[in-house]
Amino acid sequence: MSQAECTSCGKQHNDLRAHKSKLLLGTTFLMCPHCRAGKMEPRFAIILAGRSQGVDSVAEYVKNHRYCGADILAKELMV
C-alpha cells in the first residue's frame, strides 16, 4: 500500500489530515503534521491567492516562507 503525499511539502506520510486553506476559501488540502503545525500553505495556493486577491493577501506567507519550495518571485504573483 503506497502512502499519500502532503499537498504542501510533497513528502509521503501516513498521518495526512484535511486542512482548510486560509487563502483559498472552500479549498481543503491533505497536509502532514509538520506543515499543519507550521501553518503552511501549498506554494501554488499562495501564488493563486496572490494573483486573484492581491499581493497584500499573501505577504505574510511569502515574507515568512510559510510554504515549501523555491522562493516566490514577484513576477509569479502578477497576472
PDB file of N, CA and C in Angstrom:
ATOM      1  N   MET A   1       0.851  -1.184   0.000  1.00  0.00           N
ATOM      2  CA  MET A   1       0.000   0.000   0.000  1.00  0.00           C
ATOM      3  C   MET A   1       0.893   1.243   0.000  1.00  0.00           C
ATOM      4  N   SER A   2       0.675   2.145  -0.942  1.00  0.00           N
ATOM      5  CA  SER A   2       1.512   3.338  -1.025  1.00  0.00           C
ATOM      6  C   SER A   2       0.956   4.451  -0.141  1.00  0.00           C
ATOM      7  N   GLN A   3       1.857   5.306   0.283  1.00  0.00           N
ATOM      8  CA  GLN A   3       1.472   6.433   1.127  1.00  0.00           C
ATOM      9  C   GLN A   3       1.079   7.609   0.241  1.00  0.00           C
ATOM     10  N   ALA A   4       0.196   8.431   0.749  1.00  0.00           N
ATOM     11  CA  ALA A   4      -0.203   9.638   0.037  1.00  0.00           C
ATOM     12  C   ALA A   4       0.803  10.745   0.319  1.00  0.00           C
ATOM     13  N   GLU A   5       0.803  11.768  -0.525  1.00  0.00           N
ATOM     14  CA  GLU A   5       1.734  12.890  -0.370  1.00  0.00           C
ATOM     15  C   GLU A   5       1.038  14.106   0.211  1.00  0.00           C
ATOM     16  N   CYS A   6       1.769  14.831   1.031  1.00  0.00           N
ATOM     17  CA  CYS A   6       1.315  16.110   1.572  1.00  0.00           C
ATOM     18  C   CYS A   6       1.213  17.103   0.417  1.00  0.00           C
ATOM     19  N   THR A   7       0.129  17.832   0.346  1.00  0.00           N
ATOM     20  CA  THR A   7      -0.066  18.808  -0.724  1.00  0.00           C
ATOM     21  C   THR A   7       0.930  19.952  -0.622  1.00  0.00           C
ATOM     22  N   SER A   8       1.408  20.253   0.567  1.00  0.00           N
ATOM     23  CA  SER A   8       2.327  21.360   0.763  1.00  0.00           C
ATOM     24  C   SER A   8       3.783  20.974   0.506  1.00  0.00           C
ATOM     25  N   CYS A   9       4.279  19.973   1.200  1.00  0.00           N
ATOM     26  CA  CYS A   9       5.705  19.630   1.092  1.00  0.00           C
ATOM     27  C   CYS A   9       5.991  18.528   0.085  1.00  0.00           C
ATOM     28  N   GLY A  10       4.976  17.768  -0.294  1.00  0.00           N
ATOM     29  CA  GLY A  10       5.158  16.716  -1.282  1.00  0.00           C
ATOM     30  C   GLY A  10       5.761  15.433  -0.739  1.00  0.00           C
ATOM     31  N   LYS A  11       5.988  15.359   0.566  1.00  0.00           N
ATOM     32  CA  LYS A  11       6.564  14.152   1.166  1.00  0.00           C
ATOM     33  C   LYS A  11       5.457  13.158   1.481  1.00  0.00           C
ATOM     34  N   GLN A  12       5.809  11.887   1.431  1.00  0.00           N
ATOM     35  CA  GLN A  12       4.848  10.842   1.739  1.00  0.00           C
ATOM     36  C   GLN A  12       4.702  10.680   3.242  1.00  0.00           C
ATOM     37  N   HIS A  13       3.465  10.536   3.691  1.00  0.00           N
ATOM     38  CA  HIS A  13       3.158  10.408   5.114  1.00  0.00           C
ATOM     39  C   HIS A  13       1.980   9.461   5.309  1.00  0.00           C
ATOM     40  N   ASN A  14       1.936   8.851   6.473  1.00  0.00           N
ATOM     41  CA  ASN A  14       0.776   8.041   6.860  1.00  0.00           C
ATOM     42  C   ASN A  14      -0.265   8.891   7.571  1.00  0.00           C
ATOM     43  N   ASP A  15       0.172  10.008   8.154  1.00  0.00           N
ATOM     44  CA  ASP A  15      -0.692  10.829   9.005  1.00  0.00           C
ATOM     45  C   ASP A  15      -1.128  12.112   8.305  1.00  0.00           C
ATOM     46  N   LEU A  16      -1.743  11.997   7.149  1.00  0.00           N
ATOM     47  CA  LEU A  16      -2.249  13.176   6.451  1.00  0.00           C
ATOM     48  C   LEU A  16      -3.660  13.473   6.927  1.00  0.00           C
ATOM     49  N   ARG A  17      -3.934  14.738   7.095  1.00  0.00           N
ATOM     50  CA  ARG A  17      -5.272  15.159   7.521  1.00  0.00           C
ATOM     51  C   ARG A  17      -5.734  16.324   6.658  1.00  0.00           C
ATOM     52  N   ALA A  18      -7.028  16.487   6.601  1.00  0.00           N
ATOM     53  CA  ALA A  18      -7.599  17.597   5.840  1.00  0.00           C
ATOM     54  C   ALA A  18      -7.253  18.915   6.527  1.00  0.00           C
ATOM     55  N   HIS A  19      -6.874  19.880   5.719  1.00  0.00           N
ATOM     56  CA  HIS A  19      -6.516  21.216   6.218  1.00  0.00           C
ATOM     57  C   HIS A  19      -7.248  22.233   5.349  1.00  0.00           C
ATOM     58  N   LYS A  20      -8.061  23.051   5.970  1.00  0.00           N
ATOM     59  CA  LYS A  20      -8.776  24.089   5.228  1.00  0.00           C
ATOM     60  C   LYS A  20      -7.828  25.239   4.944  1.00  0.00           C
ATOM     61  N   SER A  21      -7.743  25.622   3.700  1.00  0.00           N
ATOM     62  CA  SER A  21      -6.864  26.706   3.283  1.00  0.00           C
ATOM     63  C   SER A  21      -7.348  28.028   3.879  1.00  0.00           C
ATOM     64  N   LYS A  22      -6.411  28.795   4.386  1.00  0.00           N
ATOM     65  CA  LYS A  22      -6.731  30.132   4.903  1.00  0.00           C
ATOM     66  C   LYS A  22      -6.784  31.150   3.766  1.00  0.00           C
ATOM     67  N   LEU A  23      -6.196  30.808   2.622  1.00  0.00           N
ATOM     68  CA  LEU A  23      -6.117  31.736   1.498  1.00  0.00           C
ATOM     69  C   LEU A  23      -7.193  31.493   0.442  1.00  0.00           C
ATOM     70  N   LEU A  24      -7.448  30.232   0.156  1.00  0.00           N
ATOM     71  CA  LEU A  24      -8.438  29.872  -0.854  1.00  0.00           C
ATOM     72  C   LEU A  24      -9.655  29.286  -0.147  1.00  0.00           C
ATOM     73  N   LEU A  25     -10.590  30.134   0.181  1.00  0.00           N
ATOM     74  CA  LEU A  25     -11.764  29.722   0.939  1.00  0.00           C
ATOM     75  C   LEU A  25     -12.521  28.618   0.212  1.00  0.00           C
ATOM     76  N   GLY A  26     -12.947  27.619   0.968  1.00  0.00           N
ATOM     77  CA  GLY A  26     -13.663  26.494   0.409  1.00  0.00           C
ATOM     78  C   GLY A  26     -12.755  25.410  -0.153  1.00  0.00           C
ATOM     79  N   THR A  27     -11.445  25.578  -0.007  1.00  0.00           N
ATOM     80  CA  THR A  27     -10.486  24.604  -0.514  1.00  0.00           C
ATOM     81  C   THR A  27      -9.853  23.857   0.648  1.00  0.00           C
ATOM     82  N   THR A  28      -9.756  22.548   0.507  1.00  0.00           N
ATOM     83  CA  THR A  28      -9.155  21.703   1.534  1.00  0.00           C
ATOM     84  C   THR A  28      -8.010  20.916   0.919  1.00  0.00           C
ATOM     85  N   PHE A  29      -6.894  20.840   1.635  1.00  0.00           N
ATOM     86  CA  PHE A  29      -5.725  20.096   1.191  1.00  0.00           C
ATOM     87  C   PHE A  29      -5.411  19.000   2.199  1.00  0.00           C
ATOM     88  N   LEU A  30      -4.760  17.932   1.759  1.00  0.00           N
ATOM     89  CA  LEU A  30      -4.230  16.919   2.661  1.00  0.00           C
ATOM     90  C   LEU A  30      -2.835  17.355   3.071  1.00  0.00           C
ATOM     91  N   MET A  31      -2.624  17.505   4.377  1.00  0.00           N
ATOM     92  CA  MET A  31      -1.342  18.027   4.845  1.00  0.00           C
ATOM     93  C   MET A  31      -0.793  17.172   5.975  1.00  0.00           C
ATOM     94  N   CYS A  32       0.538  17.137   6.071  1.00  0.00           N
ATOM     95  CA  CYS A  32       1.226  16.382   7.114  1.00  0.00           C
ATOM     96  C   CYS A  32       1.247  17.195   8.416  1.00  0.00           C
ATOM     97  N   PRO A  33       1.578  16.552   9.534  1.00  0.00           N
ATOM     98  CA  PRO A  33       1.604  17.263  10.817  1.00  0.00           C
ATOM     99  C   PRO A  33       2.564  18.452  10.832  1.00  0.00           C
ATOM    100  N   HIS A  34       3.724  18.316  10.194  1.00  0.00           N
ATOM    101  CA  HIS A  34       4.706  19.402  10.179  1.00  0.00           C
ATOM    102  C   HIS A  34       4.152  20.639   9.465  1.00  0.00           C
ATOM    103  N   CYS A  35       3.552  20.447   8.319  1.00  0.00           N
ATOM    104  CA  CYS A  35       3.016  21.585   7.559  1.00  0.00           C
ATOM    105  C   CYS A  35       1.806  22.204   8.251  1.00  0.00           C
ATOM    106  N   ARG A  36       0.969  21.365   8.862  1.00  0.00           N
ATOM    107  CA  ARG A  36      -0.181  21.908   9.604  1.00  0.00           C
ATOM    108  C   ARG A  36       0.297  22.735  10.793  1.00  0.00           C
ATOM    109  N   ALA A  37       1.281  22.218  11.531  1.00  0.00           N
ATOM    110  CA  ALA A  37       1.794  22.932  12.710  1.00  0.00           C
ATOM    111  C   ALA A  37       2.461  24.249  12.319  1.00  0.00           C
ATOM    112  N   GLY A  38       3.102  24.271  11.161  1.00  0.00           N
ATOM    113  CA  GLY A  38       3.779  25.484  10.690  1.00  0.00           C
ATOM    114  C   GLY A  38       2.851  26.455   9.987  1.00  0.00           C
ATOM    115  N   LYS A  39       1.559  26.121   9.940  1.00  0.00           N
ATOM    116  CA  LYS A  39       0.555  26.963   9.276  1.00  0.00           C
ATOM    117  C   LYS A  39       0.962  27.265   7.837  1.00  0.00           C
ATOM    118  N   MET A  40       1.457  26.230   7.179  1.00  0.00           N
ATOM    119  CA  MET A  40       1.919  26.354   5.801  1.00  0.00           C
ATOM    120  C   MET A  40       0.727  26.291   4.845  1.00  0.00           C
ATOM    121  N   GLU A  41       0.971  26.737   3.635  1.00  0.00           N
ATOM    122  CA  GLU A  41       0.029  26.602   2.530  1.00  0.00           C
ATOM    123  C   GLU A  41       0.840  26.089   1.341  1.00  0.00           C
ATOM    124  N   PRO A  42       0.221  25.357   0.445  1.00  0.00           N
ATOM    125  CA  PRO A  42       0.944  24.933  -0.747  1.00  0.00           C
ATOM    126  C   PRO A  42       1.410  26.156  -1.548  1.00  0.00           C
ATOM    127  N   ARG A  43       2.587  26.042  -2.133  1.00  0.00           N
ATOM    128  CA  ARG A  43       3.178  27.152  -2.886  1.00  0.00           C
ATOM    129  C   ARG A  43       2.220  27.640  -3.974  1.00  0.00           C
ATOM    130  N   PHE A  44       1.626  26.714  -4.717  1.00  0.00           N
ATOM    131  CA  PHE A  44       0.722  27.103  -5.803  1.00  0.00           C
ATOM    132  C   PHE A  44      -0.490  27.858  -5.280  1.00  0.00           C
ATOM    133  N   ALA A  45      -0.971  27.518  -4.071  1.00  0.00           N
ATOM    134  CA  ALA A  45      -2.136  28.197  -3.500  1.00  0.00           C
ATOM    135  C   ALA A  45      -1.802  29.644  -3.150  1.00  0.00           C
ATOM    136  N   ILE A  46      -0.595  29.872  -2.686  1.00  0.00           N
ATOM    137  CA  ILE A  46      -0.156  31.238  -2.366  1.00  0.00           C
ATOM    138  C   ILE A  46      -0.092  32.066  -3.642  1.00  0.00           C
ATOM    139  N   ILE A  47       0.435  31.479  -4.703  1.00  0.00           N
ATOM    140  CA  ILE A  47       0.528  32.202  -5.981  1.00  0.00           C
ATOM    141  C   ILE A  47      -0.868  32.503  -6.524  1.00  0.00           C
ATOM    142  N   LEU A  48      -1.758  31.520  -6.497  1.00  0.00           N
ATOM    143  CA  LEU A  48      -3.131  31.748  -6.977  1.00  0.00           C
ATOM    144  C   LEU A  48      -3.831  32.827  -6.169  1.00  0.00           C
ATOM    145  N   ALA A  49      -3.696  32.773  -4.848  1.00  0.00           N
ATOM    146  CA  ALA A  49      -4.338  33.775  -3.991  1.00  0.00           C
ATOM    147  C   ALA A  49      -3.732  35.157  -4.241  1.00  0.00           C
ATOM    148  N   GLY A  50      -2.427  35.221  -4.409  1.00  0.00           N
ATOM    149  CA  GLY A  50      -1.773  36.498  -4.686  1.00  0.00           C
ATOM    150  C   GLY A  50      -2.251  37.119  -5.988  1.00  0.00           C
ATOM    151  N   ARG A  51      -2.458  36.285  -6.991  1.00  0.00           N
ATOM    152  CA  ARG A  51      -2.936  36.782  -8.289  1.00  0.00           C
ATOM    153  C   ARG A  51      -4.392  37.231  -8.226  1.00  0.00           C
ATOM    154  N   SER A  52      -5.214  36.490  -7.509  1.00  0.00           N
ATOM    155  CA  SER A  52      -6.644  36.806  -7.505  1.00  0.00           C
ATOM    156  C   SER A  52      -7.053  37.807  -6.421  1.00  0.00           C
ATOM    157  N   GLN A  53      -6.329  37.822  -5.293  1.00  0.00           N
ATOM    158  CA  GLN A  53      -6.720  38.672  -4.170  1.00  0.00           C
ATOM    159  C   GLN A  53      -5.742  39.813  -3.900  1.00  0.00           C
ATOM    160  N   GLY A  54      -4.644  39.826  -4.611  1.00  0.00           N
ATOM    161  CA  GLY A  54      -3.652  40.887  -4.417  1.00  0.00           C
ATOM    162  C   GLY A  54      -2.495  40.416  -3.548  1.00  0.00           C
ATOM    163  N   VAL A  55      -1.364  41.032  -3.771  1.00  0.00           N
ATOM    164  CA  VAL A  55      -0.117  40.656  -3.093  1.00  0.00           C
ATOM    165  C   VAL A  55      -0.232  40.805  -1.576  1.00  0.00           C
ATOM    166  N   ASP A  56      -0.949  41.803  -1.108  1.00  0.00           N
ATOM    167  CA  ASP A  56      -1.073  42.014   0.341  1.00  0.00           C
ATOM    168  C   ASP A  56      -1.702  40.825   1.051  1.00  0.00           C
ATOM    169  N   SER A  57      -2.547  40.085   0.363  1.00  0.00           N
ATOM    170  CA  SER A  57      -3.227  38.940   0.984  1.00  0.00           C
ATOM    171  C   SER A  57      -2.272  37.782   1.268  1.00  0.00           C
ATOM    172  N   VAL A  58      -1.133  37.737   0.590  1.00  0.00           N
ATOM    173  CA  VAL A  58      -0.183  36.635   0.769  1.00  0.00           C
ATOM    174  C   VAL A  58       1.169  37.098   1.312  1.00  0.00           C
ATOM    175  N   ALA A  59       1.281  38.365   1.627  1.00  0.00           N
ATOM    176  CA  ALA A  59       2.567  38.925   2.053  1.00  0.00           C
ATOM    177  C   ALA A  59       3.167  38.187   3.244  1.00  0.00           C
ATOM    178  N   GLU A  60       2.361  37.841   4.230  1.00  0.00           N
ATOM    179  CA  GLU A  60       2.863  37.146   5.422  1.00  0.00           C
ATOM    180  C   GLU A  60       3.425  35.775   5.065  1.00  0.00           C
ATOM    181  N   TYR A  61       2.754  35.071   4.185  1.00  0.00           N
ATOM    182  CA  TYR A  61       3.213  33.736   3.773  1.00  0.00           C
ATOM    183  C   TYR A  61       4.537  33.818   3.014  1.00  0.00           C
ATOM    184  N   VAL A  62       4.655  34.784   2.124  1.00  0.00           N
ATOM    185  CA  VAL A  62       5.881  34.931   1.336  1.00  0.00           C
ATOM    186  C   VAL A  62       7.022  35.424   2.227  1.00  0.00           C
ATOM    187  N   LYS A  63       6.758  36.442   3.020  1.00  0.00           N
ATOM    188  CA  LYS A  63       7.789  37.022   3.889  1.00  0.00           C
ATOM    189  C   LYS A  63       8.339  36.002   4.879  1.00  0.00           C
ATOM    190  N   ASN A  64       7.462  35.200   5.475  1.00  0.00           N
ATOM    191  CA  ASN A  64       7.865  34.218   6.483  1.00  0.00           C
ATOM    192  C   ASN A  64       8.138  32.837   5.900  1.00  0.00           C
ATOM    193  N   HIS A  65       8.149  32.730   4.577  1.00  0.00           N
ATOM    194  CA  HIS A  65       8.412  31.482   3.845  1.00  0.00           C
ATOM    195  C   HIS A  65       7.569  30.337   4.419  1.00  0.00           C
ATOM    196  N   ARG A  66       6.267  30.577   4.506  1.00  0.00           N
ATOM    197  CA  ARG A  66       5.336  29.572   5.040  1.00  0.00           C
ATOM    198  C   ARG A  66       4.813  28.686   3.916  1.00  0.00           C
ATOM    199  N   TYR A  67       5.759  28.142   3.140  1.00  0.00           N
ATOM    200  CA  TYR A  67       5.483  27.217   2.051  1.00  0.00           C
ATOM    201  C   TYR A  67       6.768  26.457   1.778  1.00  0.00           C
ATOM    202  N   CYS A  68       6.664  25.380   1.025  1.00  0.00           N
ATOM    203  CA  CYS A  68       7.843  24.598   0.656  1.00  0.00           C
ATOM    204  C   CYS A  68       8.199  24.904  -0.790  1.00  0.00           C
ATOM    205  N   GLY A  69       9.476  24.865  -1.075  1.00  0.00           N
ATOM    206  CA  GLY A  69       9.918  25.064  -2.452  1.00  0.00           C
ATOM    207  C   GLY A  69      10.688  26.347  -2.630  1.00  0.00           C
ATOM    208  N   ALA A  70      10.916  26.670  -3.890  1.00  0.00           N
ATOM    209  CA  ALA A  70      11.690  27.845  -4.272  1.00  0.00           C
ATOM    210  C   ALA A  70      10.989  29.132  -3.834  1.00  0.00           C
ATOM    211  N   ASP A  71      11.776  30.181  -3.694  1.00  0.00           N
ATOM    212  CA  ASP A  71      11.217  31.485  -3.350  1.00  0.00           C
ATOM    213  C   ASP A  71      10.144  31.882  -4.363  1.00  0.00           C
ATOM    214  N   ILE A  72       9.099  32.517  -3.880  1.00  0.00           N
ATOM    215  CA  ILE A  72       8.054  33.022  -4.756  1.00  0.00           C
ATOM    216  C   ILE A  72       8.486  34.398  -5.242  1.00  0.00           C
ATOM    217  N   LEU A  73       8.573  34.557  -6.543  1.00  0.00           N
ATOM    218  CA  LEU A  73       9.025  35.796  -7.159  1.00  0.00           C
ATOM    219  C   LEU A  73       7.841  36.709  -7.438  1.00  0.00           C
ATOM    220  N   ALA A  74       8.104  37.999  -7.459  1.00  0.00           N
ATOM    221  CA  ALA A  74       7.049  38.981  -7.724  1.00  0.00           C
ATOM    222  C   ALA A  74       6.380  38.705  -9.078  1.00  0.00           C
ATOM    223  N   LYS A  75       7.162  38.300 -10.066  1.00  0.00           N
ATOM    224  CA  LYS A  75       6.574  38.060 -11.397  1.00  0.00           C
ATOM    225  C   LYS A  75       5.590  36.882 -11.387  1.00  0.00           C
ATOM    226  N   GLU A  76       5.722  35.969 -10.411  1.00  0.00           N
ATOM    227  CA  GLU A  76       4.789  34.861 -10.324  1.00  0.00           C
ATOM    228  C   GLU A  76       3.446  35.308  -9.744  1.00  0.00           C
ATOM    229  N   LEU A  77       3.454  36.408  -9.011  1.00  0.00           N
ATOM    230  CA  LEU A  77       2.228  36.907  -8.399  1.00  0.00           C
ATOM    231  C   LEU A  77       1.465  37.853  -9.317  1.00  0.00           C
ATOM    232  N   MET A  78       2.093  38.237 -10.415  1.00  0.00           N
ATOM    233  CA  MET A  78       1.456  39.149 -11.357  1.00  0.00           C
ATOM    234  C   MET A  78       0.770  38.352 -12.459  1.00  0.00           C
ATOM    235  N   VAL A  79      -0.382  38.828 -12.859  1.00  0.00           N
ATOM    236  CA  VAL A  79      -1.133  38.143 -13.928  1.00  0.00           C
ATOM    237  C   VAL A  79      -0.616  38.587 -15.258  1.00  0.00           C
TER     238      VAL A  79
END
